Amino acid sequence: MKLGTIIRMYMDEHNFSMREFAKICNLSPAQVSFMERGRNSNGDPFVPREETLIKLAAGMGITLGELLTALDEDTRVRLASAQGVTMSPEKQAVIDKILIATPEQFSLIQSYVDFVIKG
């Protein structure tokens, strides 16, 4: 599901205005608007930072992992651990898939990576 759809559904379900929801999440109304529309003020795709998604998830009463799992696989986020790291498109594609993995899938991925890296 698109991040904007998740936000809109949550606000509608709880009868929150964007301003109320932003306050609950400790975000600015502009940030919530950008995430809901998927675009920034310039019309460019809005890619939320990990810390923004953590605040959003907390405001919704869910974990970051639950939020990431609910997102479409083409949704992009900026992870704090990846700041300043240049990745090939192939590596980014793998990371994108890991971000949307279910807990069971992630456990299998983690086991496989541990096996491959340790040799």
N, C-alpha and C. Protein backbone atom coordinates (compact mmCIF):
# COMPACT_ATOMS: atom_id res chain seq x y z
N MET A 1 0.85 -1.17 0.00
CA MET A 1 0.00 0.00 0.00
C MET A 1 0.90 1.24 0.00
N LYS A 2 0.45 2.28 -0.65
CA LYS A 2 1.20 3.53 -0.68
C LYS A 2 1.15 4.20 0.69
N LEU A 3 2.23 4.89 1.05
CA LEU A 3 2.31 5.57 2.34
C LEU A 3 1.17 6.57 2.48
N GLY A 4 0.89 7.32 1.41
CA GLY A 4 -0.19 8.29 1.46
C GLY A 4 -1.54 7.66 1.75
N THR A 5 -1.78 6.49 1.21
CA THR A 5 -3.03 5.76 1.46
C THR A 5 -3.12 5.34 2.92
N ILE A 6 -2.01 4.86 3.46
CA ILE A 6 -1.99 4.45 4.87
C ILE A 6 -2.31 5.66 5.77
N ILE A 7 -1.68 6.78 5.48
CA ILE A 7 -1.89 7.99 6.28
C ILE A 7 -3.34 8.45 6.18
N ARG A 8 -3.86 8.53 4.94
CA ARG A 8 -5.23 9.00 4.74
C ARG A 8 -6.23 8.08 5.43
N MET A 9 -6.04 6.77 5.31
CA MET A 9 -6.95 5.82 5.95
C MET A 9 -6.92 6.00 7.48
N TYR A 10 -5.73 6.17 8.03
CA TYR A 10 -5.61 6.32 9.48
C TYR A 10 -6.29 7.61 9.93
N MET A 11 -6.05 8.72 9.23
CA MET A 11 -6.66 9.98 9.61
C MET A 11 -8.19 9.91 9.48
N ASP A 12 -8.68 9.29 8.42
CA ASP A 12 -10.13 9.15 8.24
C ASP A 12 -10.75 8.27 9.33
N GLU A 13 -10.08 7.16 9.61
CA GLU A 13 -10.58 6.21 10.62
C GLU A 13 -10.67 6.86 12.00
N HIS A 14 -9.75 7.76 12.30
CA HIS A 14 -9.71 8.39 13.62
C HIS A 14 -10.23 9.83 13.62
N ASN A 15 -10.79 10.25 12.48
CA ASN A 15 -11.34 11.60 12.33
C ASN A 15 -10.35 12.69 12.71
N PHE A 16 -9.09 12.52 12.27
CA PHE A 16 -8.06 13.52 12.53
C PHE A 16 -7.90 14.43 11.32
N SER A 17 -7.73 15.71 11.60
CA SER A 17 -7.30 16.62 10.53
C SER A 17 -5.80 16.38 10.33
N MET A 18 -5.27 16.90 9.25
CA MET A 18 -3.83 16.74 9.02
C MET A 18 -3.04 17.41 10.14
N ARG A 19 -3.51 18.57 10.58
CA ARG A 19 -2.82 19.30 11.65
C ARG A 19 -2.84 18.49 12.95
N GLU A 20 -3.98 17.89 13.28
CA GLU A 20 -4.07 17.07 14.50
C GLU A 20 -3.16 15.86 14.41
N PHE A 21 -3.20 15.19 13.28
CA PHE A 21 -2.39 14.00 13.09
C PHE A 21 -0.90 14.34 13.15
N ALA A 22 -0.52 15.44 12.51
CA ALA A 22 0.88 15.86 12.53
C ALA A 22 1.34 16.11 13.97
N LYS A 23 0.49 16.75 14.75
CA LYS A 23 0.85 17.04 16.15
C LYS A 23 1.04 15.75 16.95
N ILE A 24 0.15 14.79 16.74
CA ILE A 24 0.26 13.49 17.43
C ILE A 24 1.57 12.79 17.07
N CYS A 25 1.98 12.94 15.81
CA CYS A 25 3.21 12.28 15.33
C CYS A 25 4.47 13.09 15.59
N ASN A 26 4.30 14.30 16.13
CA ASN A 26 5.44 15.20 16.34
C ASN A 26 6.13 15.53 15.02
N LEU A 27 5.30 15.77 13.99
CA LEU A 27 5.76 16.15 12.67
C LEU A 27 5.08 17.46 12.28
N SER A 28 5.59 18.11 11.27
CA SER A 28 4.93 19.31 10.76
C SER A 28 3.80 18.89 9.82
N PRO A 29 2.76 19.70 9.72
CA PRO A 29 1.71 19.39 8.75
C PRO A 29 2.26 19.26 7.32
N ALA A 30 3.29 20.05 7.00
CA ALA A 30 3.90 19.95 5.66
C ALA A 30 4.49 18.56 5.44
N GLN A 31 5.19 18.02 6.45
CA GLN A 31 5.77 16.68 6.30
C GLN A 31 4.69 15.64 6.05
N VAL A 32 3.61 15.74 6.82
CA VAL A 32 2.50 14.78 6.65
C VAL A 32 1.89 14.95 5.26
N SER A 33 1.73 16.18 4.82
CA SER A 33 1.18 16.44 3.49
C SER A 33 2.08 15.86 2.40
N PHE A 34 3.39 16.05 2.53
CA PHE A 34 4.32 15.51 1.54
C PHE A 34 4.21 13.99 1.49
N MET A 35 4.15 13.36 2.66
CA MET A 35 4.07 11.90 2.69
C MET A 35 2.74 11.42 2.10
N GLU A 36 1.68 12.13 2.43
CA GLU A 36 0.36 11.72 1.92
C GLU A 36 0.31 11.84 0.39
N ARG A 37 0.84 12.93 -0.14
CA ARG A 37 0.83 13.14 -1.59
C ARG A 37 1.94 12.39 -2.31
N GLY A 38 3.01 12.05 -1.57
CA GLY A 38 4.15 11.39 -2.20
C GLY A 38 5.02 12.35 -2.99
N ARG A 39 4.81 13.63 -2.79
CA ARG A 39 5.55 14.67 -3.51
C ARG A 39 5.92 15.78 -2.55
N ASN A 40 7.08 16.42 -2.80
CA ASN A 40 7.47 17.58 -1.98
C ASN A 40 6.92 18.85 -2.61
N SER A 41 7.28 19.99 -2.06
CA SER A 41 6.74 21.26 -2.54
C SER A 41 7.16 21.59 -3.97
N ASN A 42 8.24 20.99 -4.45
CA ASN A 42 8.70 21.19 -5.83
C ASN A 42 8.03 20.23 -6.81
N GLY A 43 7.24 19.30 -6.27
CA GLY A 43 6.60 18.30 -7.12
C GLY A 43 7.46 17.06 -7.34
N ASP A 44 8.64 17.05 -6.72
CA ASP A 44 9.52 15.88 -6.82
C ASP A 44 9.04 14.79 -5.88
N PRO A 45 9.38 13.53 -6.18
CA PRO A 45 9.00 12.45 -5.25
C PRO A 45 9.54 12.74 -3.85
N PHE A 46 8.70 12.54 -2.86
CA PHE A 46 9.11 12.73 -1.46
C PHE A 46 9.58 11.40 -0.90
N VAL A 47 10.82 11.36 -0.46
CA VAL A 47 11.38 10.14 0.13
C VAL A 47 11.60 10.42 1.62
N PRO A 48 10.73 9.87 2.47
CA PRO A 48 10.85 10.18 3.91
C PRO A 48 12.08 9.53 4.53
N ARG A 49 12.61 10.21 5.51
CA ARG A 49 13.73 9.68 6.27
C ARG A 49 13.23 8.69 7.31
N GLU A 50 14.12 7.83 7.72
CA GLU A 50 13.78 6.80 8.71
C GLU A 50 13.21 7.43 9.98
N GLU A 51 13.82 8.51 10.48
CA GLU A 51 13.34 9.13 11.72
C GLU A 51 11.94 9.70 11.55
N THR A 52 11.59 10.15 10.35
CA THR A 52 10.24 10.64 10.08
C THR A 52 9.25 9.49 10.14
N LEU A 53 9.61 8.36 9.55
CA LEU A 53 8.73 7.19 9.57
C LEU A 53 8.58 6.62 10.97
N ILE A 54 9.63 6.72 11.78
CA ILE A 54 9.54 6.26 13.17
C ILE A 54 8.51 7.10 13.92
N LYS A 55 8.54 8.41 13.73
CA LYS A 55 7.56 9.29 14.37
C LYS A 55 6.15 9.01 13.86
N LEU A 56 6.02 8.80 12.56
CA LEU A 56 4.73 8.49 11.97
C LEU A 56 4.16 7.20 12.55
N ALA A 57 4.99 6.17 12.58
CA ALA A 57 4.55 4.88 13.11
C ALA A 57 4.15 5.00 14.58
N ALA A 58 4.97 5.71 15.37
CA ALA A 58 4.65 5.88 16.79
C ALA A 58 3.32 6.60 16.97
N GLY A 59 3.07 7.61 16.15
CA GLY A 59 1.81 8.33 16.23
C GLY A 59 0.61 7.44 15.89
N MET A 60 0.86 6.44 15.06
CA MET A 60 -0.19 5.51 14.66
C MET A 60 -0.28 4.31 15.61
N GLY A 61 0.64 4.24 16.57
CA GLY A 61 0.62 3.14 17.53
C GLY A 61 1.13 1.83 16.98
N ILE A 62 2.02 1.91 15.98
CA ILE A 62 2.61 0.70 15.41
C ILE A 62 4.13 0.87 15.38
N THR A 63 4.83 -0.20 15.08
CA THR A 63 6.28 -0.14 15.00
C THR A 63 6.71 0.27 13.59
N LEU A 64 7.95 0.70 13.47
CA LEU A 64 8.50 1.02 12.16
C LEU A 64 8.44 -0.21 11.26
N GLY A 65 8.77 -1.36 11.80
CA GLY A 65 8.72 -2.60 11.02
C GLY A 65 7.33 -2.89 10.47
N GLU A 66 6.32 -2.66 11.29
CA GLU A 66 4.94 -2.88 10.82
C GLU A 66 4.59 -1.91 9.70
N LEU A 67 5.02 -0.67 9.84
CA LEU A 67 4.75 0.32 8.79
C LEU A 67 5.48 -0.06 7.51
N LEU A 68 6.75 -0.42 7.62
CA LEU A 68 7.53 -0.78 6.43
C LEU A 68 6.94 -2.01 5.74
N THR A 69 6.45 -2.95 6.52
CA THR A 69 5.86 -4.16 5.96
C THR A 69 4.59 -3.84 5.18
N ALA A 70 3.86 -2.84 5.61
CA ALA A 70 2.60 -2.47 4.95
C ALA A 70 2.81 -1.71 3.65
N LEU A 71 4.02 -1.18 3.44
CA LEU A 71 4.29 -0.35 2.26
C LEU A 71 4.51 -1.18 1.01
N ASP A 72 4.12 -0.60 -0.14
CA ASP A 72 4.42 -1.22 -1.43
C ASP A 72 5.92 -1.40 -1.58
N GLU A 73 6.30 -2.37 -2.38
CA GLU A 73 7.73 -2.62 -2.55
C GLU A 73 8.44 -1.51 -3.32
N ASP A 74 7.70 -0.66 -4.02
CA ASP A 74 8.36 0.42 -4.75
C ASP A 74 8.48 1.70 -3.92
N THR A 75 8.04 1.67 -2.67
CA THR A 75 8.15 2.83 -1.80
C THR A 75 9.60 2.97 -1.34
N ARG A 76 10.13 4.17 -1.45
CA ARG A 76 11.51 4.44 -1.07
C ARG A 76 11.55 5.17 0.27
N VAL A 77 12.52 4.81 1.10
CA VAL A 77 12.77 5.52 2.37
C VAL A 77 14.27 5.72 2.49
N ARG A 78 14.65 6.72 3.28
CA ARG A 78 16.06 6.97 3.54
C ARG A 78 16.40 6.41 4.91
N LEU A 79 17.24 5.39 4.92
CA LEU A 79 17.63 4.77 6.17
C LEU A 79 18.85 5.47 6.74
N ALA A 80 18.81 5.71 8.04
CA ALA A 80 19.91 6.42 8.70
C ALA A 80 21.22 5.67 8.53
N SER A 81 21.17 4.36 8.59
CA SER A 81 22.39 3.57 8.50
C SER A 81 23.01 3.63 7.11
N ALA A 82 22.24 4.09 6.11
CA ALA A 82 22.75 4.13 4.74
C ALA A 82 23.20 5.52 4.32
N GLN A 83 23.16 6.48 5.23
CA GLN A 83 23.55 7.84 4.85
C GLN A 83 25.01 7.87 4.44
N GLY A 84 25.27 8.50 3.34
CA GLY A 84 26.63 8.65 2.86
C GLY A 84 27.18 7.42 2.18
N VAL A 85 26.37 6.38 2.03
CA VAL A 85 26.81 5.14 1.39
C VAL A 85 26.27 5.11 -0.03
N THR A 86 27.15 4.87 -0.99
CA THR A 86 26.72 4.75 -2.37
C THR A 86 26.50 3.28 -2.67
N MET A 87 25.33 2.98 -3.24
CA MET A 87 25.00 1.59 -3.54
C MET A 87 24.70 1.42 -5.01
N SER A 88 25.01 0.25 -5.51
CA SER A 88 24.63 -0.08 -6.88
C SER A 88 23.13 -0.29 -6.90
N PRO A 89 22.51 -0.15 -8.07
CA PRO A 89 21.07 -0.42 -8.17
C PRO A 89 20.70 -1.84 -7.74
N GLU A 90 21.60 -2.78 -7.99
CA GLU A 90 21.33 -4.17 -7.62
C GLU A 90 21.24 -4.31 -6.10
N LYS A 91 22.21 -3.69 -5.38
CA LYS A 91 22.18 -3.76 -3.92
C LYS A 91 20.96 -3.04 -3.36
N GLN A 92 20.62 -1.89 -3.95
CA GLN A 92 19.45 -1.14 -3.49
C GLN A 92 18.18 -1.96 -3.70
N ALA A 93 18.11 -2.69 -4.81
CA ALA A 93 16.93 -3.52 -5.09
C ALA A 93 16.78 -4.62 -4.04
N VAL A 94 17.91 -5.21 -3.64
CA VAL A 94 17.87 -6.25 -2.59
C VAL A 94 17.41 -5.64 -1.27
N ILE A 95 17.95 -4.50 -0.91
CA ILE A 95 17.57 -3.83 0.33
C ILE A 95 16.09 -3.47 0.31
N ASP A 96 15.62 -2.98 -0.82
CA ASP A 96 14.20 -2.64 -0.94
C ASP A 96 13.31 -3.85 -0.67
N LYS A 97 13.72 -5.00 -1.18
CA LYS A 97 12.94 -6.22 -0.96
C LYS A 97 12.99 -6.65 0.51
N ILE A 98 14.14 -6.50 1.13
CA ILE A 98 14.27 -6.85 2.55
C ILE A 98 13.36 -5.98 3.40
N LEU A 99 13.24 -4.70 3.05
CA LEU A 99 12.41 -3.78 3.83
C LEU A 99 10.94 -4.17 3.85
N ILE A 100 10.48 -4.85 2.82
CA ILE A 100 9.07 -5.23 2.79
C ILE A 100 8.84 -6.69 3.18
N ALA A 101 9.90 -7.38 3.55
CA ALA A 101 9.77 -8.80 3.92
C ALA A 101 8.95 -8.95 5.20
N THR A 102 8.18 -10.02 5.24
CA THR A 102 7.46 -10.35 6.47
C THR A 102 8.48 -10.78 7.52
N PRO A 103 8.10 -10.82 8.79
CA PRO A 103 9.04 -11.29 9.80
C PRO A 103 9.60 -12.68 9.51
N GLU A 104 8.76 -13.55 8.99
CA GLU A 104 9.21 -14.91 8.67
C GLU A 104 10.22 -14.89 7.52
N GLN A 105 9.92 -14.08 6.49
CA GLN A 105 10.84 -13.96 5.36
C GLN A 105 12.16 -13.33 5.81
N PHE A 106 12.08 -12.32 6.65
CA PHE A 106 13.29 -11.66 7.13
C PHE A 106 14.17 -12.64 7.90
N SER A 107 13.56 -13.48 8.70
CA SER A 107 14.33 -14.47 9.46
C SER A 107 15.09 -15.41 8.52
N LEU A 108 14.42 -15.84 7.45
CA LEU A 108 15.08 -16.70 6.46
C LEU A 108 16.21 -15.96 5.75
N ILE A 109 15.96 -14.71 5.40
CA ILE A 109 16.98 -13.89 4.74
C ILE A 109 18.19 -13.74 5.65
N GLN A 110 17.93 -13.43 6.90
CA GLN A 110 19.02 -13.24 7.86
C GLN A 110 19.84 -14.51 8.01
N SER A 111 19.18 -15.65 8.10
CA SER A 111 19.89 -16.93 8.21
C SER A 111 20.76 -17.18 6.98
N TYR A 112 20.20 -16.90 5.81
CA TYR A 112 20.94 -17.12 4.58
C TYR A 112 22.15 -16.18 4.48
N VAL A 113 21.96 -14.92 4.81
CA VAL A 113 23.07 -13.96 4.76
C VAL A 113 24.16 -14.38 5.74
N ASP A 114 23.77 -14.77 6.95
CA ASP A 114 24.76 -15.24 7.93
C ASP A 114 25.55 -16.42 7.38
N PHE A 115 24.85 -17.37 6.71
CA PHE A 115 25.50 -18.54 6.14
C PHE A 115 26.48 -18.12 5.05
N VAL A 116 26.07 -17.24 4.15
CA VAL A 116 26.91 -16.83 3.02
C VAL A 116 28.11 -16.03 3.50
N ILE A 117 27.89 -15.10 4.41
CA ILE A 117 28.98 -14.23 4.88
C ILE A 117 30.00 -15.02 5.70
N LYS A 118 29.54 -15.94 6.52
CA LYS A 118 30.46 -16.72 7.37
C LYS A 118 31.16 -17.82 6.57
N GLY A 119 30.60 -18.16 5.42
CA GLY A 119 31.24 -19.13 4.55
C GLY A 119 31.01 -20.50 4.91
